[in-house]
Amino acid sequence: MNIEEMTKKINELYHKSQNQGLSEEEKKEQADLRAAYIQNVRANLRGQLNHISIEEEDGNIVNLGETYGNKR
């Protein structure tokens, strides 16, 4: 499921929960979709941050992904 489909389904479940409530199965699906969405956003952000390079005052270029990206 791509991110657009995931967002659409999360929104559908949210609106349904506001109008008529969700079954236990739908609540679990909503929680799983939200967790997967958050994991996807974090992975994309981490990927972007790992490709940032900064030029220091002395002219050296430091790749922040290589310096800080693997510290977990």
PDB file of N, CA and C in Angstrom:
ATOM      1  N   MET A   1       0.854  -1.173   0.000  1.00  0.00           N
ATOM      2  CA  MET A   1       0.000   0.000   0.000  1.00  0.00           C
ATOM      3  C   MET A   1       0.899   1.233   0.000  1.00  0.00           C
ATOM      4  N   ASN A   2       0.665   2.138  -0.944  1.00  0.00           N
ATOM      5  CA  ASN A   2       1.486   3.345  -0.996  1.00  0.00           C
ATOM      6  C   ASN A   2       0.984   4.374   0.026  1.00  0.00           C
ATOM      7  N   ILE A   3       1.735   5.436   0.180  1.00  0.00           N
ATOM      8  CA  ILE A   3       1.464   6.421   1.224  1.00  0.00           C
ATOM      9  C   ILE A   3       0.128   7.128   1.004  1.00  0.00           C
ATOM     10  N   GLU A   4      -0.252   7.370  -0.256  1.00  0.00           N
ATOM     11  CA  GLU A   4      -1.523   8.029  -0.541  1.00  0.00           C
ATOM     12  C   GLU A   4      -2.708   7.140  -0.165  1.00  0.00           C
ATOM     13  N   GLU A   5      -2.623   5.866  -0.497  1.00  0.00           N
ATOM     14  CA  GLU A   5      -3.681   4.921  -0.141  1.00  0.00           C
ATOM     15  C   GLU A   5      -3.776   4.776   1.376  1.00  0.00           C
ATOM     16  N   MET A   6      -2.614   4.735   2.023  1.00  0.00           N
ATOM     17  CA  MET A   6      -2.575   4.604   3.473  1.00  0.00           C
ATOM     18  C   MET A   6      -3.233   5.819   4.139  1.00  0.00           C
ATOM     19  N   THR A   7      -2.905   7.014   3.657  1.00  0.00           N
ATOM     20  CA  THR A   7      -3.478   8.243   4.207  1.00  0.00           C
ATOM     21  C   THR A   7      -4.986   8.271   3.997  1.00  0.00           C
ATOM     22  N   LYS A   8      -5.416   7.870   2.809  1.00  0.00           N
ATOM     23  CA  LYS A   8      -6.855   7.850   2.509  1.00  0.00           C
ATOM     24  C   LYS A   8      -7.588   6.906   3.464  1.00  0.00           C
ATOM     25  N   LYS A   9      -7.046   5.724   3.683  1.00  0.00           N
ATOM     26  CA  LYS A   9      -7.684   4.735   4.558  1.00  0.00           C
ATOM     27  C   LYS A   9      -7.686   5.216   6.018  1.00  0.00           C
ATOM     28  N   ILE A  10      -6.587   5.825   6.460  1.00  0.00           N
ATOM     29  CA  ILE A  10      -6.530   6.371   7.823  1.00  0.00           C
ATOM     30  C   ILE A  10      -7.625   7.422   8.000  1.00  0.00           C
ATOM     31  N   ASN A  11      -7.767   8.305   7.017  1.00  0.00           N
ATOM     32  CA  ASN A  11      -8.791   9.346   7.087  1.00  0.00           C
ATOM     33  C   ASN A  11     -10.200   8.768   7.073  1.00  0.00           C
ATOM     34  N   GLU A  12     -10.430   7.748   6.243  1.00  0.00           N
ATOM     35  CA  GLU A  12     -11.740   7.097   6.210  1.00  0.00           C
ATOM     36  C   GLU A  12     -12.086   6.504   7.575  1.00  0.00           C
ATOM     37  N   LEU A  13     -11.126   5.818   8.183  1.00  0.00           N
ATOM     38  CA  LEU A  13     -11.371   5.221   9.495  1.00  0.00           C
ATOM     39  C   LEU A  13     -11.586   6.289  10.557  1.00  0.00           C
ATOM     40  N   TYR A  14     -10.869   7.396  10.461  1.00  0.00           N
ATOM     41  CA  TYR A  14     -11.061   8.491  11.421  1.00  0.00           C
ATOM     42  C   TYR A  14     -12.479   9.046  11.320  1.00  0.00           C
ATOM     43  N   HIS A  15     -12.916   9.338  10.101  1.00  0.00           N
ATOM     44  CA  HIS A  15     -14.257   9.898   9.919  1.00  0.00           C
ATOM     45  C   HIS A  15     -15.334   8.910  10.359  1.00  0.00           C
ATOM     46  N   LYS A  16     -15.125   7.646  10.091  1.00  0.00           N
ATOM     47  CA  LYS A  16     -16.080   6.634  10.532  1.00  0.00           C
ATOM     48  C   LYS A  16     -16.130   6.578  12.059  1.00  0.00           C
ATOM     49  N   SER A  17     -14.961   6.696  12.701  1.00  0.00           N
ATOM     50  CA  SER A  17     -14.931   6.649  14.173  1.00  0.00           C
ATOM     51  C   SER A  17     -15.676   7.841  14.772  1.00  0.00           C
ATOM     52  N   GLN A  18     -15.631   8.993  14.098  1.00  0.00           N
ATOM     53  CA  GLN A  18     -16.324  10.188  14.579  1.00  0.00           C
ATOM     54  C   GLN A  18     -17.836  10.067  14.389  1.00  0.00           C
ATOM     55  N   ASN A  19     -18.252   9.401  13.326  1.00  0.00           N
ATOM     56  CA  ASN A  19     -19.681   9.306  13.010  1.00  0.00           C
ATOM     57  C   ASN A  19     -20.387   8.153  13.697  1.00  0.00           C
ATOM     58  N   GLN A  20     -19.797   6.965  13.622  1.00  0.00           N
ATOM     59  CA  GLN A  20     -20.524   5.793  14.113  1.00  0.00           C
ATOM     60  C   GLN A  20     -19.698   4.853  14.979  1.00  0.00           C
ATOM     61  N   GLY A  21     -18.425   5.110  15.133  1.00  0.00           N
ATOM     62  CA  GLY A  21     -17.578   4.238  15.940  1.00  0.00           C
ATOM     63  C   GLY A  21     -16.954   3.132  15.103  1.00  0.00           C
ATOM     64  N   LEU A  22     -15.930   2.521  15.666  1.00  0.00           N
ATOM     65  CA  LEU A  22     -15.201   1.466  14.963  1.00  0.00           C
ATOM     66  C   LEU A  22     -15.316   0.150  15.715  1.00  0.00           C
ATOM     67  N   SER A  23     -15.291  -0.937  14.955  1.00  0.00           N
ATOM     68  CA  SER A  23     -15.217  -2.252  15.583  1.00  0.00           C
ATOM     69  C   SER A  23     -13.787  -2.461  16.088  1.00  0.00           C
ATOM     70  N   GLU A  24     -13.582  -3.486  16.864  1.00  0.00           N
ATOM     71  CA  GLU A  24     -12.240  -3.778  17.389  1.00  0.00           C
ATOM     72  C   GLU A  24     -11.265  -4.062  16.249  1.00  0.00           C
ATOM     73  N   GLU A  25     -11.735  -4.731  15.211  1.00  0.00           N
ATOM     74  CA  GLU A  25     -10.882  -5.034  14.055  1.00  0.00           C
ATOM     75  C   GLU A  25     -10.478  -3.745  13.335  1.00  0.00           C
ATOM     76  N   GLU A  26     -11.424  -2.831  13.190  1.00  0.00           N
ATOM     77  CA  GLU A  26     -11.127  -1.561  12.532  1.00  0.00           C
ATOM     78  C   GLU A  26     -10.189  -0.699  13.374  1.00  0.00           C
ATOM     79  N   LYS A  27     -10.338  -0.746  14.697  1.00  0.00           N
ATOM     80  CA  LYS A  27      -9.433  -0.005  15.584  1.00  0.00           C
ATOM     81  C   LYS A  27      -8.006  -0.523  15.442  1.00  0.00           C
ATOM     82  N   LYS A  28      -7.884  -1.852  15.362  1.00  0.00           N
ATOM     83  CA  LYS A  28      -6.555  -2.446  15.195  1.00  0.00           C
ATOM     84  C   LYS A  28      -5.966  -2.051  13.837  1.00  0.00           C
ATOM     85  N   GLU A  29      -6.791  -2.087  12.784  1.00  0.00           N
ATOM     86  CA  GLU A  29      -6.322  -1.697  11.449  1.00  0.00           C
ATOM     87  C   GLU A  29      -5.873  -0.237  11.456  1.00  0.00           C
ATOM     88  N   GLN A  30      -6.636   0.632  12.120  1.00  0.00           N
ATOM     89  CA  GLN A  30      -6.295   2.050  12.195  1.00  0.00           C
ATOM     90  C   GLN A  30      -4.960   2.242  12.918  1.00  0.00           C
ATOM     91  N   ALA A  31      -4.772   1.544  14.027  1.00  0.00           N
ATOM     92  CA  ALA A  31      -3.521   1.652  14.790  1.00  0.00           C
ATOM     93  C   ALA A  31      -2.339   1.142  13.964  1.00  0.00           C
ATOM     94  N   ASP A  32      -2.533   0.029  13.258  1.00  0.00           N
ATOM     95  CA  ASP A  32      -1.465  -0.526  12.416  1.00  0.00           C
ATOM     96  C   ASP A  32      -1.104   0.424  11.278  1.00  0.00           C
ATOM     97  N   LEU A  33      -2.124   1.007  10.641  1.00  0.00           N
ATOM     98  CA  LEU A  33      -1.877   1.950   9.548  1.00  0.00           C
ATOM     99  C   LEU A  33      -1.150   3.196  10.048  1.00  0.00           C
ATOM    100  N   ARG A  34      -1.567   3.703  11.190  1.00  0.00           N
ATOM    101  CA  ARG A  34      -0.899   4.882  11.751  1.00  0.00           C
ATOM    102  C   ARG A  34       0.555   4.587  12.079  1.00  0.00           C
ATOM    103  N   ALA A  35       0.816   3.419  12.661  1.00  0.00           N
ATOM    104  CA  ALA A  35       2.196   3.037  12.997  1.00  0.00           C
ATOM    105  C   ALA A  35       3.044   2.915  11.730  1.00  0.00           C
ATOM    106  N   ALA A  36       2.488   2.303  10.692  1.00  0.00           N
ATOM    107  CA  ALA A  36       3.221   2.155   9.437  1.00  0.00           C
ATOM    108  C   ALA A  36       3.466   3.518   8.794  1.00  0.00           C
ATOM    109  N   TYR A  37       2.477   4.406   8.870  1.00  0.00           N
ATOM    110  CA  TYR A  37       2.623   5.752   8.309  1.00  0.00           C
ATOM    111  C   TYR A  37       3.737   6.508   9.025  1.00  0.00           C
ATOM    112  N   ILE A  38       3.745   6.461  10.345  1.00  0.00           N
ATOM    113  CA  ILE A  38       4.773   7.153  11.130  1.00  0.00           C
ATOM    114  C   ILE A  38       6.152   6.571  10.831  1.00  0.00           C
ATOM    115  N   GLN A  39       6.239   5.257  10.733  1.00  0.00           N
ATOM    116  CA  GLN A  39       7.512   4.615  10.406  1.00  0.00           C
ATOM    117  C   GLN A  39       8.009   5.075   9.039  1.00  0.00           C
ATOM    118  N   ASN A  40       7.107   5.196   8.079  1.00  0.00           N
ATOM    119  CA  ASN A  40       7.463   5.648   6.739  1.00  0.00           C
ATOM    120  C   ASN A  40       7.961   7.089   6.756  1.00  0.00           C
ATOM    121  N   VAL A  41       7.268   7.963   7.478  1.00  0.00           N
ATOM    122  CA  VAL A  41       7.674   9.369   7.568  1.00  0.00           C
ATOM    123  C   VAL A  41       9.049   9.486   8.216  1.00  0.00           C
ATOM    124  N   ARG A  42       9.268   8.743   9.288  1.00  0.00           N
ATOM    125  CA  ARG A  42      10.569   8.784   9.965  1.00  0.00           C
ATOM    126  C   ARG A  42      11.686   8.288   9.055  1.00  0.00           C
ATOM    127  N   ALA A  43      11.436   7.224   8.318  1.00  0.00           N
ATOM    128  CA  ALA A  43      12.453   6.683   7.412  1.00  0.00           C
ATOM    129  C   ALA A  43      12.787   7.689   6.307  1.00  0.00           C
ATOM    130  N   ASN A  44      11.754   8.349   5.770  1.00  0.00           N
ATOM    131  CA  ASN A  44      11.998   9.358   4.737  1.00  0.00           C
ATOM    132  C   ASN A  44      12.790  10.533   5.289  1.00  0.00           C
ATOM    133  N   LEU A  45      12.435  10.991   6.469  1.00  0.00           N
ATOM    134  CA  LEU A  45      13.147  12.109   7.082  1.00  0.00           C
ATOM    135  C   LEU A  45      14.594  11.735   7.384  1.00  0.00           C
ATOM    136  N   ARG A  46      14.795  10.541   7.918  1.00  0.00           N
ATOM    137  CA  ARG A  46      16.148  10.074   8.218  1.00  0.00           C
ATOM    138  C   ARG A  46      16.978   9.999   6.945  1.00  0.00           C
ATOM    139  N   GLY A  47      16.369   9.525   5.862  1.00  0.00           N
ATOM    140  CA  GLY A  47      17.071   9.450   4.586  1.00  0.00           C
ATOM    141  C   GLY A  47      17.478  10.826   4.076  1.00  0.00           C
ATOM    142  N   GLN A  48      16.584  11.797   4.218  1.00  0.00           N
ATOM    143  CA  GLN A  48      16.905  13.158   3.793  1.00  0.00           C
ATOM    144  C   GLN A  48      18.014  13.755   4.650  1.00  0.00           C
ATOM    145  N   LEU A  49      17.917  13.575   5.952  1.00  0.00           N
ATOM    146  CA  LEU A  49      18.917  14.146   6.850  1.00  0.00           C
ATOM    147  C   LEU A  49      20.284  13.507   6.656  1.00  0.00           C
ATOM    148  N   ASN A  50      20.308  12.231   6.305  1.00  0.00           N
ATOM    149  CA  ASN A  50      21.588  11.543   6.098  1.00  0.00           C
ATOM    150  C   ASN A  50      22.305  11.987   4.835  1.00  0.00           C
ATOM    151  N   HIS A  51      21.638  12.741   3.987  1.00  0.00           N
ATOM    152  CA  HIS A  51      22.259  13.223   2.750  1.00  0.00           C
ATOM    153  C   HIS A  51      22.556  14.714   2.785  1.00  0.00           C
ATOM    154  N   ILE A  52      22.589  15.287   3.965  1.00  0.00           N
ATOM    155  CA  ILE A  52      22.911  16.707   4.103  1.00  0.00           C
ATOM    156  C   ILE A  52      24.411  16.857   4.307  1.00  0.00           C
ATOM    157  N   SER A  53      25.005  17.751   3.551  1.00  0.00           N
ATOM    158  CA  SER A  53      26.422  18.083   3.712  1.00  0.00           C
ATOM    159  C   SER A  53      26.525  19.554   4.082  1.00  0.00           C
ATOM    160  N   ILE A  54      27.453  19.850   4.971  1.00  0.00           N
ATOM    161  CA  ILE A  54      27.665  21.224   5.422  1.00  0.00           C
ATOM    162  C   ILE A  54      29.101  21.616   5.112  1.00  0.00           C
ATOM    163  N   GLU A  55      29.251  22.806   4.572  1.00  0.00           N
ATOM    164  CA  GLU A  55      30.584  23.333   4.328  1.00  0.00           C
ATOM    165  C   GLU A  55      30.985  24.179   5.534  1.00  0.00           C
ATOM    166  N   GLU A  56      32.077  23.792   6.165  1.00  0.00           N
ATOM    167  CA  GLU A  56      32.558  24.520   7.326  1.00  0.00           C
ATOM    168  C   GLU A  56      33.324  25.768   6.897  1.00  0.00           C
ATOM    169  N   GLU A  57      33.647  26.614   7.869  1.00  0.00           N
ATOM    170  CA  GLU A  57      34.334  27.870   7.572  1.00  0.00           C
ATOM    171  C   GLU A  57      35.686  27.656   6.895  1.00  0.00           C
ATOM    172  N   ASP A  58      36.359  26.559   7.237  1.00  0.00           N
ATOM    173  CA  ASP A  58      37.674  26.301   6.644  1.00  0.00           C
ATOM    174  C   ASP A  58      37.589  25.653   5.259  1.00  0.00           C
ATOM    175  N   GLY A  59      36.375  25.433   4.743  1.00  0.00           N
ATOM    176  CA  GLY A  59      36.207  24.888   3.402  1.00  0.00           C
ATOM    177  C   GLY A  59      35.950  23.389   3.363  1.00  0.00           C
ATOM    178  N   ASN A  60      36.131  22.703   4.492  1.00  0.00           N
ATOM    179  CA  ASN A  60      35.855  21.267   4.528  1.00  0.00           C
ATOM    180  C   ASN A  60      34.360  21.016   4.404  1.00  0.00           C
ATOM    181  N   ILE A  61      34.030  19.971   3.680  1.00  0.00           N
ATOM    182  CA  ILE A  61      32.624  19.582   3.546  1.00  0.00           C
ATOM    183  C   ILE A  61      32.403  18.339   4.409  1.00  0.00           C
ATOM    184  N   VAL A  62      31.443  18.444   5.321  1.00  0.00           N
ATOM    185  CA  VAL A  62      31.146  17.353   6.247  1.00  0.00           C
ATOM    186  C   VAL A  62      29.788  16.774   5.885  1.00  0.00           C
ATOM    187  N   ASN A  63      29.746  15.478   5.605  1.00  0.00           N
ATOM    188  CA  ASN A  63      28.495  14.783   5.340  1.00  0.00           C
ATOM    189  C   ASN A  63      27.919  14.369   6.690  1.00  0.00           C
ATOM    190  N   LEU A  64      26.781  14.937   7.050  1.00  0.00           N
ATOM    191  CA  LEU A  64      26.205  14.669   8.360  1.00  0.00           C
ATOM    192  C   LEU A  64      25.704  13.225   8.492  1.00  0.00           C
ATOM    193  N   GLY A  65      25.289  12.633   7.386  1.00  0.00           N
ATOM    194  CA  GLY A  65      24.858  11.237   7.424  1.00  0.00           C
ATOM    195  C   GLY A  65      25.993  10.307   7.818  1.00  0.00           C
ATOM    196  N   GLU A  66      27.174  10.547   7.271  1.00  0.00           N
ATOM    197  CA  GLU A  66      28.332   9.729   7.615  1.00  0.00           C
ATOM    198  C   GLU A  66      28.794  10.003   9.033  1.00  0.00           C
ATOM    199  N   THR A  67      28.678  11.255   9.481  1.00  0.00           N
ATOM    200  CA  THR A  67      29.146  11.623  10.807  1.00  0.00           C
ATOM    201  C   THR A  67      28.188  11.186  11.904  1.00  0.00           C
ATOM    202  N   TYR A  68      26.889  11.450  11.713  1.00  0.00           N
ATOM    203  CA  TYR A  68      25.915  11.209  12.781  1.00  0.00           C
ATOM    204  C   TYR A  68      24.864  10.171  12.459  1.00  0.00           C
ATOM    205  N   GLY A  69      24.702   9.808  11.196  1.00  0.00           N
ATOM    206  CA  GLY A  69      23.598   8.953  10.764  1.00  0.00           C
ATOM    207  C   GLY A  69      23.569   7.569  11.341  1.00  0.00           C
ATOM    208  N   ASN A  70      24.697   6.978  11.603  1.00  0.00           N
ATOM    209  CA  ASN A  70      24.734   5.603  12.079  1.00  0.00           C
ATOM    210  C   ASN A  70      24.806   5.471  13.590  1.00  0.00           C
ATOM    211  N   LYS A  71      24.686   6.597  14.296  1.00  0.00           N
ATOM    212  CA  LYS A  71      24.700   6.539  15.757  1.00  0.00           C
ATOM    213  C   LYS A  71      23.296   6.246  16.241  1.00  0.00           C
ATOM    214  N   ARG A  72      23.066   5.052  16.672  1.00  0.00           N
ATOM    215  CA  ARG A  72      21.746   4.650  17.161  1.00  0.00           C
ATOM    216  C   ARG A  72      21.887   3.787  18.363  1.00  0.00           C
TER     217      ARG A  72
END
